Amino acid sequence: MATPTKRPCVVRDASTAVARLNGAVLIDMLQMIPNARDALAFLNAWPSTALPPSLVALKELSGVMSLTTQWPSLVLQTIPTDHMELGVSALPAFPQIQVSDMTDARCLAAALPRTVRVKLSTSSMWTDATHAVVRAWHDHITDLSFRKPSDMPEAVVDALRQCTHLRNVSIVDPINATVAQQIVAAVTTRSLQQLDLDVMFKDPLDTTDMAAWLRRGGATTLRLACTGVTDATALADAIYSCDSLASLSLVGARSVVDALLASPRPLHQLSELSLDVRGAAQNDTALLHKLSGAKMTSLTLIGRIIDAPPGIWKPLMSFTKLQQLTLQRISLLDVSASGTCPQLRSVTLRELAMQAKDIPKVTKWLGTSMSLRSLEWADMKLGRQGLTALAQAVPHWMTHGLETLSLQSIPIDADGAKRLAASLQQGRNPSPLRIALSNSQLLRGSVQQLANAIDACRQVTLGLFSSHSRKYKLEIAAGLGQPDVDAGDVIFVQMASPPA
């Protein structure tokens, strides 16, 4: 039997092995890394001989400018003028590029891979420079932002129609309804997913093209801020008909809200709803009952919304997947049902009209969150019961990663400060925590108690903000002038510094 021939063991060095990798593959791998530090670490792990020219240029560019805030989206204006050619060579390596009408024309010479997305921002006038960007990179423009557009000649409309891969469009403060309608008509293509339109003029907005875009399907986000529209019923019908719509934000738009309320159809497709109605209505809360409790992750209600039957609290208790909640200038009167909010991360409660006895119920509900990172109470009285309930929940939130607790214009008496200080000492926080107290009418002794509490805590900072008299500021400063308090943990804004 013949002895099999042994093949010699060949050891290839790293440069030989990686040379076989296609440069485009390396770029694709790099663009999947969201963090600048990790992206540079990945880049530096390869020898320059194995990298395509754009990645070699990116390596060199990181040596002449910081990429910490420029990855994964590079703002072209931040490239140093003396190194513009190097920056142009590195452009194909970035996942996203942000350009404006101030973009250096030399940048447009770069041939971008299909994966690179371009975000174009324009000022009031559509300039030749903006036109040049569209001509060069129209296949890459996915995000488009207009600020105060004043004119839309046919040439501009034609240029917009060349951007066939648009996903997100923001239009802020167009000069009149005609300009707004022209832009919306040009950008509401089949690829468009998100539309943000914020108008200041009082004329009714023609939403015919917007409604047609919604009916086609594929839209995921609509934010509309206006005083009125030409056909609210048609727009509301289009919103109901768009099964892909996940996020809806209406600012003003009273007629649109009324049209939504007039329909018996549900809004089960939404996971995010934001209403800033700027006008009282007895039945606005009925809109919440059209939502799916299993889908809602974000809810914002701002305005003179009266908590009349069928109420706010009951549907709120059904939103068990809620992650963000903002209630401002809301009349919250029916706090009866109980529920849980294990995924809630951010909560803002401002100027709520509610009874003091109901605040512990709200706090109890918030206490079921295992994910709370930010909690803000502002411009209301919590009362002794409310402050006690809040203090009792703080250690739980600290344990689960609370990062910011803000009490703005919330009166805190001596007993409330004592309880809050005690709860801070009981808490164990894995991440830094900032306690921000603004215009809380704290007494000198209360400030001292809180300062002593955070001095005994780990990674806790107390921020004191006050617009009160200078005497009040000096009393607080004097109260902190104790040798056993680490003043480095206390931030003073609009206050005298503690005495040396």
Protein backbone atom coordinates (compact mmCIF):
# COMPACT_ATOMS: atom_id res chain seq x y z
CA MET A 1 0.00 0.00 0.00
CA ALA A 2 1.43 3.27 -1.09
CA THR A 3 2.23 5.76 1.60
CA PRO A 4 0.18 8.95 1.08
CA THR A 5 2.19 11.99 0.22
CA LYS A 6 2.19 14.59 2.97
CA ARG A 7 1.53 18.14 1.91
CA PRO A 8 3.93 20.67 3.33
CA CYS A 9 2.47 22.93 6.01
CA VAL A 10 2.32 26.43 4.64
CA VAL A 11 2.12 29.30 7.12
CA ARG A 12 0.80 32.48 5.59
CA ASP A 13 1.31 35.79 7.32
CA ALA A 14 -1.67 38.00 8.12
CA SER A 15 -1.10 40.36 5.22
CA THR A 16 -1.23 37.48 2.71
CA ALA A 17 -4.47 36.14 4.18
CA VAL A 18 -6.33 39.41 4.39
CA ALA A 19 -5.20 40.47 0.93
CA ARG A 20 -7.73 38.02 -0.44
CA LEU A 21 -10.60 39.85 1.19
CA ASN A 22 -12.44 42.13 -1.14
CA GLY A 23 -12.10 45.79 -0.17
CA ALA A 24 -15.86 46.26 -0.42
CA VAL A 25 -16.38 43.52 2.15
CA LEU A 26 -14.10 45.31 4.60
CA ILE A 27 -16.01 48.54 4.05
CA ASP A 28 -19.32 46.76 4.64
CA MET A 29 -17.97 45.23 7.85
CA LEU A 30 -16.70 48.60 9.08
CA GLN A 31 -20.00 50.35 8.35
CA MET A 32 -21.85 47.88 10.58
CA ILE A 33 -19.90 49.13 13.62
CA PRO A 34 -21.90 51.93 15.34
CA ASN A 35 -19.22 53.20 17.74
CA ALA A 36 -16.31 55.38 16.58
CA ARG A 37 -13.80 53.85 18.98
CA ASP A 38 -14.69 50.30 17.93
CA ALA A 39 -14.64 51.29 14.26
CA LEU A 40 -11.12 52.72 14.56
CA ALA A 41 -9.98 49.66 16.52
CA PHE A 42 -11.27 47.44 13.72
CA LEU A 43 -9.54 49.62 11.14
CA ASN A 44 -6.21 49.62 12.97
CA ALA A 45 -6.30 45.83 13.31
CA TRP A 46 -5.62 45.49 9.58
CA PRO A 47 -2.31 46.32 7.91
CA SER A 48 -2.60 49.23 5.50
CA THR A 49 -1.44 47.00 2.64
CA ALA A 50 -4.64 44.96 2.99
CA LEU A 51 -7.01 47.93 3.00
CA PRO A 52 -8.73 49.61 0.06
CA PRO A 53 -7.75 53.26 -0.60
CA SER A 54 -10.79 54.72 1.20
CA LEU A 55 -9.95 52.88 4.44
CA VAL A 56 -6.30 53.88 4.22
CA ALA A 57 -7.48 57.48 3.83
CA LEU A 58 -9.83 57.06 6.80
CA LYS A 59 -6.91 55.86 8.92
CA GLU A 60 -4.92 58.95 7.98
CA LEU A 61 -7.93 61.24 8.44
CA SER A 62 -8.37 60.00 12.02
CA GLY A 63 -4.90 61.35 12.68
CA VAL A 64 -5.76 64.93 11.66
CA MET A 65 -9.32 65.22 13.03
CA SER A 66 -11.36 63.58 15.76
CA LEU A 67 -13.90 61.08 14.47
CA THR A 68 -15.55 60.59 17.87
CA THR A 69 -18.56 62.70 16.89
CA GLN A 70 -18.22 62.06 13.15
CA TRP A 71 -18.96 58.35 13.07
CA PRO A 72 -21.06 56.86 11.63
CA SER A 73 -22.25 60.15 10.09
CA LEU A 74 -19.65 62.58 8.77
CA VAL A 75 -20.46 66.28 8.50
CA LEU A 76 -18.50 67.42 5.46
CA GLN A 77 -17.97 70.95 6.80
CA THR A 78 -15.90 69.53 9.67
CA ILE A 79 -13.15 68.23 7.39
CA PRO A 80 -10.12 70.54 7.77
CA THR A 81 -9.65 72.59 4.60
CA ASP A 82 -5.97 71.63 4.39
CA HIS A 83 -6.92 67.95 4.35
CA MET A 84 -9.93 68.11 2.03
CA GLU A 85 -8.42 65.74 -0.54
CA LEU A 86 -7.78 63.19 2.19
CA GLY A 87 -11.35 63.60 3.41
CA VAL A 88 -12.73 63.12 -0.10
CA SER A 89 -10.75 59.90 -0.45
CA ALA A 90 -12.21 58.63 2.85
CA LEU A 91 -15.86 59.41 2.03
CA PRO A 92 -16.71 55.93 0.66
CA ALA A 93 -15.87 54.48 4.10
CA PHE A 94 -18.61 56.36 5.98
CA PRO A 95 -22.11 54.87 6.34
CA GLN A 96 -23.68 58.34 6.16
CA ILE A 97 -22.55 61.77 4.97
CA GLN A 98 -24.20 65.05 5.98
CA VAL A 99 -24.03 67.81 3.38
CA SER A 100 -25.51 71.29 2.97
CA ASP A 101 -25.50 74.16 0.51
CA MET A 102 -22.12 75.14 1.99
CA THR A 103 -20.46 71.91 0.84
CA ASP A 104 -17.04 72.18 -0.78
CA ALA A 105 -17.44 71.29 -4.47
CA ARG A 106 -14.30 69.12 -4.30
CA CYS A 107 -16.22 66.59 -2.20
CA LEU A 108 -18.64 65.86 -5.01
CA ALA A 109 -15.90 64.18 -7.02
CA ALA A 110 -16.03 61.14 -4.73
CA ALA A 111 -17.67 58.04 -6.17
CA LEU A 112 -19.74 56.61 -3.33
CA PRO A 113 -20.54 52.91 -2.84
CA ARG A 114 -24.23 52.04 -3.00
CA THR A 115 -24.33 51.57 0.79
CA VAL A 116 -23.42 55.18 1.61
CA ARG A 117 -26.40 57.36 2.57
CA VAL A 118 -26.41 61.13 2.10
CA LYS A 119 -28.35 63.54 4.31
CA LEU A 120 -28.91 66.89 2.58
CA SER A 121 -29.89 70.03 4.52
CA THR A 122 -30.97 73.19 2.73
CA SER A 123 -31.52 76.75 3.90
CA SER A 124 -34.17 79.18 2.64
CA MET A 125 -32.87 79.31 -0.93
CA TRP A 126 -32.09 76.37 -3.19
CA THR A 127 -28.59 77.28 -4.39
CA ASP A 128 -26.38 76.11 -7.24
CA ALA A 129 -24.33 74.23 -4.64
CA THR A 130 -27.42 72.33 -3.51
CA HIS A 131 -28.23 71.51 -7.12
CA ALA A 132 -24.69 70.21 -7.60
CA VAL A 133 -25.08 67.85 -4.63
CA VAL A 134 -28.30 66.44 -6.08
CA ARG A 135 -26.73 65.96 -9.52
CA ALA A 136 -23.73 64.15 -8.08
CA TRP A 137 -25.34 62.03 -5.36
CA HIS A 138 -29.09 61.86 -6.05
CA ASP A 139 -28.96 58.05 -5.92
CA HIS A 140 -27.58 58.25 -2.37
CA ILE A 141 -29.78 60.96 -0.84
CA THR A 142 -31.99 59.26 1.74
CA ASP A 143 -32.58 62.17 4.13
CA LEU A 144 -33.65 65.65 3.11
CA SER A 145 -34.19 68.65 5.38
CA PHE A 146 -35.69 71.99 4.33
CA ARG A 147 -35.55 75.00 6.65
CA LYS A 148 -37.62 78.05 5.74
CA PRO A 149 -37.90 77.25 2.01
CA SER A 150 -39.08 80.37 0.18
CA ASP A 151 -39.26 79.35 -3.47
CA MET A 152 -39.76 76.14 -5.43
CA PRO A 153 -39.13 76.71 -9.15
CA GLU A 154 -39.81 73.81 -11.51
CA ALA A 155 -36.10 73.05 -11.82
CA VAL A 156 -35.93 72.40 -8.08
CA VAL A 157 -39.00 70.17 -8.16
CA ASP A 158 -37.41 68.16 -10.99
CA ALA A 159 -34.21 67.85 -8.95
CA LEU A 160 -36.15 66.51 -5.98
CA ARG A 161 -37.81 63.90 -8.16
CA GLN A 162 -34.36 62.55 -9.02
CA CYS A 163 -33.91 61.53 -5.37
CA THR A 164 -35.59 58.16 -5.82
CA HIS A 165 -34.31 56.65 -2.56
CA LEU A 166 -35.66 59.23 -0.13
CA ARG A 167 -36.63 57.79 3.25
CA ASN A 168 -36.89 60.77 5.59
CA VAL A 169 -37.96 64.33 4.78
CA SER A 170 -38.28 67.28 7.16
CA ILE A 171 -39.85 70.58 6.08
CA VAL A 172 -39.72 73.40 8.63
CA ASP A 173 -41.44 76.78 8.25
CA PRO A 174 -42.09 77.02 4.49
CA ILE A 175 -42.99 80.54 3.44
CA ASN A 176 -46.54 79.66 2.32
CA ALA A 177 -48.95 76.84 1.58
CA THR A 178 -47.98 76.69 -2.10
CA VAL A 179 -44.31 76.03 -1.38
CA ALA A 180 -45.21 73.43 1.24
CA GLN A 181 -47.54 71.62 -1.16
CA GLN A 182 -44.95 71.65 -3.98
CA ILE A 183 -42.28 70.07 -1.78
CA VAL A 184 -44.65 67.45 -0.38
CA ALA A 185 -45.81 66.54 -3.89
CA ALA A 186 -42.21 66.10 -5.06
CA VAL A 187 -40.89 64.05 -2.13
CA THR A 188 -43.79 61.72 -1.32
CA THR A 189 -42.42 58.90 -3.47
CA ARG A 190 -42.90 55.19 -2.83
CA SER A 191 -39.56 55.03 -1.00
CA LEU A 192 -40.45 57.77 1.52
CA GLN A 193 -41.02 56.41 5.01
CA GLN A 194 -40.96 59.45 7.31
CA LEU A 195 -42.43 62.91 6.71
CA ASP A 196 -42.11 65.81 9.16
CA LEU A 197 -43.94 68.99 8.17
CA ASP A 198 -43.95 72.02 10.48
CA VAL A 199 -45.71 75.12 9.13
CA MET A 200 -46.24 78.51 10.72
CA PHE A 201 -48.64 80.15 8.27
CA LYS A 202 -52.35 80.25 9.08
CA ASP A 203 -53.69 79.26 5.65
CA PRO A 204 -55.13 75.73 5.41
CA LEU A 205 -52.58 73.20 4.22
CA ASP A 206 -53.38 71.13 1.13
CA THR A 207 -52.76 67.54 2.25
CA THR A 208 -53.95 65.78 -0.93
CA ASP A 209 -50.49 64.44 -1.80
CA MET A 210 -49.81 63.55 1.83
CA ALA A 211 -53.01 61.51 1.97
CA ALA A 212 -52.14 59.76 -1.31
CA TRP A 213 -48.71 58.87 0.10
CA LEU A 214 -50.31 57.34 3.19
CA ARG A 215 -52.81 55.33 1.16
CA ARG A 216 -50.06 53.80 -0.99
CA GLY A 217 -48.61 52.14 2.10
CA GLY A 218 -44.99 52.05 3.23
CA ALA A 219 -45.18 55.21 5.36
CA THR A 220 -43.97 54.64 8.92
CA THR A 221 -43.90 58.12 10.49
CA LEU A 222 -45.97 61.27 10.07
CA ARG A 223 -45.42 64.44 12.08
CA LEU A 224 -47.70 67.32 11.16
CA ALA A 225 -47.67 70.74 12.85
CA CYS A 226 -50.15 73.20 11.39
CA THR A 227 -53.23 75.27 12.17
CA GLY A 228 -55.53 73.52 9.71
CA VAL A 229 -55.82 71.45 6.53
CA THR A 230 -58.05 71.63 3.47
CA ASP A 231 -59.66 68.20 3.93
CA ALA A 232 -59.24 66.81 7.44
CA THR A 233 -61.63 63.92 6.83
CA ALA A 234 -59.65 62.66 3.83
CA LEU A 235 -56.37 62.89 5.74
CA ALA A 236 -57.84 61.08 8.75
CA ASP A 237 -59.16 58.35 6.46
CA ALA A 238 -55.69 57.97 4.92
CA ILE A 239 -54.13 57.70 8.39
CA TYR A 240 -56.57 54.94 9.31
CA SER A 241 -55.91 53.17 6.00
CA CYS A 242 -52.11 53.14 6.33
CA ASP A 243 -51.33 49.83 8.03
CA SER A 244 -47.58 50.53 7.98
CA LEU A 245 -47.89 53.79 9.94
CA ALA A 246 -46.24 53.25 13.33
CA SER A 247 -45.71 56.82 14.58
CA LEU A 248 -48.16 59.74 14.43
CA SER A 249 -47.52 63.22 15.82
CA LEU A 250 -50.02 66.07 15.51
CA VAL A 251 -49.24 69.58 16.75
CA GLY A 252 -52.19 71.94 16.48
CA ALA A 253 -54.11 70.29 13.63
CA ARG A 254 -57.32 70.50 15.64
CA SER A 255 -59.47 69.56 12.65
CA VAL A 256 -57.41 66.42 11.99
CA VAL A 257 -57.78 65.27 15.60
CA ASP A 258 -61.52 65.89 15.42
CA ALA A 259 -61.75 63.91 12.17
CA LEU A 260 -59.88 61.00 13.76
CA LEU A 261 -62.26 61.09 16.71
CA ALA A 262 -65.30 61.14 14.43
CA SER A 263 -64.40 57.80 12.87
CA PRO A 264 -65.25 54.52 14.62
CA ARG A 265 -62.14 52.84 13.16
CA PRO A 266 -59.23 51.73 15.41
CA LEU A 267 -55.60 52.89 15.27
CA HIS A 268 -54.10 49.54 16.20
CA GLN A 269 -51.16 50.00 13.82
CA LEU A 270 -49.64 52.81 15.90
CA SER A 271 -46.86 52.21 18.42
CA GLU A 272 -46.14 55.93 18.98
CA LEU A 273 -48.64 58.77 19.38
CA SER A 274 -47.93 62.42 20.16
CA LEU A 275 -50.69 65.04 20.48
CA ASP A 276 -50.15 68.73 21.17
CA VAL A 277 -53.68 69.87 20.45
CA ARG A 278 -53.49 73.44 21.81
CA GLY A 279 -57.21 73.52 22.33
CA ALA A 280 -59.57 72.03 24.87
CA ALA A 281 -61.87 69.18 23.88
CA GLN A 282 -63.95 66.99 26.12
CA ASN A 283 -63.45 63.75 24.20
CA ASP A 284 -59.80 63.80 23.11
CA THR A 285 -59.12 60.97 25.53
CA ALA A 286 -61.31 58.71 23.39
CA LEU A 287 -58.44 58.59 20.89
CA LEU A 288 -56.37 56.57 23.39
CA HIS A 289 -59.01 53.85 23.39
CA LYS A 290 -58.41 53.35 19.66
CA LEU A 291 -54.80 52.30 20.31
CA SER A 292 -53.44 48.81 20.82
CA GLY A 293 -52.22 48.15 24.35
CA ALA A 294 -49.89 45.46 23.02
CA LYS A 295 -48.12 47.84 20.60
CA MET A 296 -47.83 51.26 22.24
CA THR A 297 -44.26 52.17 23.18
CA SER A 298 -44.40 55.99 23.24
CA LEU A 299 -47.15 58.41 24.27
CA THR A 300 -47.00 62.21 24.45
CA LEU A 301 -50.03 64.33 25.39
CA ILE A 302 -49.58 68.11 25.58
CA GLY A 303 -52.31 70.71 25.82
CA ARG A 304 -55.51 71.48 27.64
CA ILE A 305 -56.75 67.91 27.46
CA ILE A 306 -59.58 67.34 29.90
CA ASP A 307 -59.75 63.90 31.45
CA ALA A 308 -63.40 63.29 30.74
CA PRO A 309 -64.95 59.85 30.18
CA PRO A 310 -63.70 57.46 28.87
CA GLY A 311 -60.56 58.77 30.57
CA ILE A 312 -56.77 58.66 30.20
CA TRP A 313 -55.68 56.39 33.03
CA LYS A 314 -57.51 53.21 32.03
CA PRO A 315 -55.99 52.93 28.52
CA LEU A 316 -52.63 54.03 29.92
CA MET A 317 -52.69 51.01 32.23
CA SER A 318 -53.12 48.74 29.20
CA PHE A 319 -49.94 50.04 27.52
CA THR A 320 -47.68 47.44 29.16
CA LYS A 321 -44.88 47.90 26.59
CA LEU A 322 -44.67 51.66 27.04
CA GLN A 323 -41.09 53.01 27.01
CA GLN A 324 -41.65 56.78 26.86
CA LEU A 325 -44.38 58.88 28.46
CA THR A 326 -44.89 62.66 28.45
CA LEU A 327 -47.96 64.29 30.00
CA GLN A 328 -48.06 68.10 30.10
CA ARG A 329 -50.91 70.44 31.03
CA ILE A 330 -53.23 67.46 31.32
CA SER A 331 -56.21 67.13 33.63
CA LEU A 332 -55.66 63.68 35.15
CA LEU A 333 -58.65 63.09 37.39
CA ASP A 334 -59.59 59.41 37.10
CA VAL A 335 -56.64 57.55 38.64
CA SER A 336 -58.25 54.30 39.70
CA ALA A 337 -57.15 51.27 37.69
CA SER A 338 -53.76 49.70 38.36
CA GLY A 339 -51.24 48.20 35.97
CA THR A 340 -47.55 47.69 35.26
CA CYS A 341 -44.97 49.41 33.05
CA PRO A 342 -41.87 47.17 33.22
CA GLN A 343 -40.23 48.66 30.09
CA LEU A 344 -40.80 52.35 30.84
CA ARG A 345 -37.51 54.27 30.40
CA SER A 346 -38.35 57.98 30.21
CA VAL A 347 -41.17 59.88 31.96
CA THR A 348 -42.00 63.60 31.95
CA LEU A 349 -44.95 64.85 34.02
CA ARG A 350 -45.51 68.62 33.89
CA GLU A 351 -48.32 70.90 35.06
CA LEU A 352 -50.73 68.05 35.72
CA ALA A 353 -54.09 68.91 37.26
CA MET A 354 -54.72 66.04 39.67
CA GLN A 355 -55.64 65.37 43.27
CA ALA A 356 -52.83 64.93 45.80
CA LYS A 357 -54.25 61.60 46.96
CA ASP A 358 -53.79 60.16 43.45
CA ILE A 359 -50.08 60.96 43.18
CA PRO A 360 -49.03 57.89 45.24
CA LYS A 361 -51.01 55.75 42.77
CA VAL A 362 -49.07 57.23 39.87
CA THR A 363 -45.80 56.71 41.74
CA LYS A 364 -46.76 53.12 42.53
CA TRP A 365 -47.35 52.48 38.84
CA LEU A 366 -44.01 54.07 37.92
CA GLY A 367 -42.44 51.89 40.59
CA THR A 368 -43.22 48.80 38.50
CA SER A 369 -40.68 49.90 35.89
CA MET A 370 -37.53 47.80 35.74
CA SER A 371 -35.93 50.09 33.15
CA LEU A 372 -36.53 53.70 34.25
CA ARG A 373 -33.63 55.98 33.24
CA SER A 374 -35.16 59.46 33.42
CA LEU A 375 -38.00 60.84 35.55
CA GLU A 376 -39.07 64.49 35.56
CA TRP A 377 -41.83 66.04 37.69
CA ALA A 378 -42.40 69.75 37.12
CA ASP A 379 -44.68 72.64 38.08
CA MET A 380 -47.05 70.88 40.45
CA LYS A 381 -47.48 70.02 44.12
CA LEU A 382 -46.79 66.44 45.11
CA GLY A 383 -47.81 66.92 48.73
CA ARG A 384 -46.53 64.92 51.68
CA GLN A 385 -48.07 61.66 50.46
CA GLY A 386 -46.66 62.13 46.98
CA LEU A 387 -43.14 62.95 48.17
CA THR A 388 -43.22 59.97 50.54
CA ALA A 389 -44.28 57.63 47.74
CA LEU A 390 -41.62 59.09 45.44
CA ALA A 391 -38.90 58.68 48.06
CA GLN A 392 -39.92 55.07 48.67
CA ALA A 393 -39.58 54.26 44.96
CA VAL A 394 -36.16 55.91 44.48
CA PRO A 395 -34.01 53.00 45.83
CA HIS A 396 -35.77 50.59 43.45
CA TRP A 397 -35.17 52.88 40.47
CA MET A 398 -31.54 53.42 41.47
CA THR A 399 -30.94 49.68 41.59
CA HIS A 400 -32.34 49.29 38.08
CA GLY A 401 -30.26 52.08 36.53
CA LEU A 402 -32.00 55.44 37.08
CA GLU A 403 -29.78 58.16 35.59
CA THR A 404 -31.77 61.40 36.06
CA LEU A 405 -34.35 62.46 38.65
CA SER A 406 -35.55 66.02 38.06
CA LEU A 407 -37.95 67.88 40.36
CA GLN A 408 -38.62 71.33 38.89
CA SER A 409 -40.71 73.84 40.83
CA ILE A 410 -41.86 71.04 43.14
CA PRO A 411 -42.11 72.38 46.73
CA ILE A 412 -40.14 70.10 49.06
CA ASP A 413 -40.63 70.66 52.78
CA ALA A 414 -38.25 69.53 55.52
CA ASP A 415 -39.97 66.17 55.95
CA GLY A 416 -39.92 65.49 52.20
CA ALA A 417 -36.23 66.37 51.97
CA LYS A 418 -35.48 64.10 54.93
CA ARG A 419 -37.28 61.17 53.31
CA LEU A 420 -35.60 61.77 49.95
CA ALA A 421 -32.18 61.93 51.62
CA ALA A 422 -32.84 58.67 53.46
CA SER A 423 -33.93 56.93 50.26
CA LEU A 424 -30.78 58.06 48.43
CA GLN A 425 -28.64 56.52 51.15
CA GLN A 426 -30.53 53.23 50.81
CA GLY A 427 -30.16 53.05 47.04
CA ARG A 428 -27.45 51.19 45.16
CA ASN A 429 -26.96 52.57 41.68
CA PRO A 430 -24.85 50.73 39.06
CA SER A 431 -24.62 53.86 36.88
CA PRO A 432 -24.14 57.59 37.62
CA LEU A 433 -27.27 59.33 38.92
CA ARG A 434 -28.05 63.04 38.71
CA ILE A 435 -30.60 64.58 41.06
CA ALA A 436 -31.75 67.97 39.73
CA LEU A 437 -33.78 70.21 42.05
CA SER A 438 -35.02 73.49 40.61
CA ASN A 439 -36.91 76.12 42.62
CA SER A 440 -37.86 73.54 45.23
CA GLN A 441 -38.02 76.08 48.10
CA LEU A 442 -35.58 74.01 50.15
CA LEU A 443 -34.58 75.16 53.62
CA ARG A 444 -30.93 75.36 54.65
CA GLY A 445 -31.18 72.26 56.81
CA SER A 446 -32.85 70.31 54.03
CA VAL A 447 -30.09 71.14 51.59
CA GLN A 448 -27.56 69.99 54.17
CA GLN A 449 -29.42 66.68 54.60
CA LEU A 450 -29.47 66.05 50.86
CA ALA A 451 -25.82 67.00 50.49
CA ASN A 452 -24.82 64.63 53.30
CA ALA A 453 -26.87 61.88 51.66
CA ILE A 454 -25.21 62.16 48.27
CA ASP A 455 -21.81 62.39 49.96
CA ALA A 456 -22.48 58.87 51.26
CA CYS A 457 -23.67 57.65 47.85
CA ARG A 458 -21.77 56.28 44.92
CA GLN A 459 -21.81 58.23 41.63
CA VAL A 460 -24.63 60.55 42.67
CA THR A 461 -24.64 64.26 41.79
CA LEU A 462 -27.01 66.85 43.24
CA GLY A 463 -27.85 69.80 41.00
CA LEU A 464 -29.33 72.86 42.70
CA PHE A 465 -30.99 75.45 40.46
CA SER A 466 -32.74 78.52 41.77
CA SER A 467 -34.21 81.76 40.52
CA HIS A 468 -35.02 82.91 44.05
CA SER A 469 -33.52 85.86 45.86
CA ARG A 470 -29.81 86.22 46.51
CA LYS A 471 -30.48 85.72 50.22
CA TYR A 472 -31.91 82.29 49.49
CA LYS A 473 -28.87 81.42 47.37
CA LEU A 474 -26.48 82.50 50.09
CA GLU A 475 -28.36 80.47 52.71
CA ILE A 476 -27.98 77.35 50.58
CA ALA A 477 -24.31 78.06 50.04
CA ALA A 478 -23.80 78.59 53.77
CA GLY A 479 -25.64 75.36 54.50
CA LEU A 480 -23.14 73.48 52.38
CA GLY A 481 -20.10 75.09 53.94
CA GLN A 482 -19.37 72.07 56.11
CA PRO A 483 -16.11 70.09 56.14
CA ASP A 484 -17.89 66.71 55.92
CA VAL A 485 -19.64 67.52 52.64
CA ASP A 486 -17.93 66.92 49.31
CA ALA A 487 -18.92 70.07 47.46
CA GLY A 488 -17.68 68.46 44.24
CA ASP A 489 -20.88 66.42 44.20
CA VAL A 490 -23.02 69.56 44.23
CA ILE A 491 -23.57 71.66 41.13
CA PHE A 492 -24.49 75.34 41.58
CA VAL A 493 -26.36 77.17 38.87
CA GLN A 494 -27.29 80.81 39.46
CA MET A 495 -25.99 80.51 43.01
CA ALA A 496 -23.06 81.79 45.00
CA SER A 497 -20.30 79.23 45.41
CA PRO A 498 -19.91 77.67 48.85
CA PRO A 499 -17.45 79.50 51.07
CA ALA A 500 -13.91 78.19 51.07
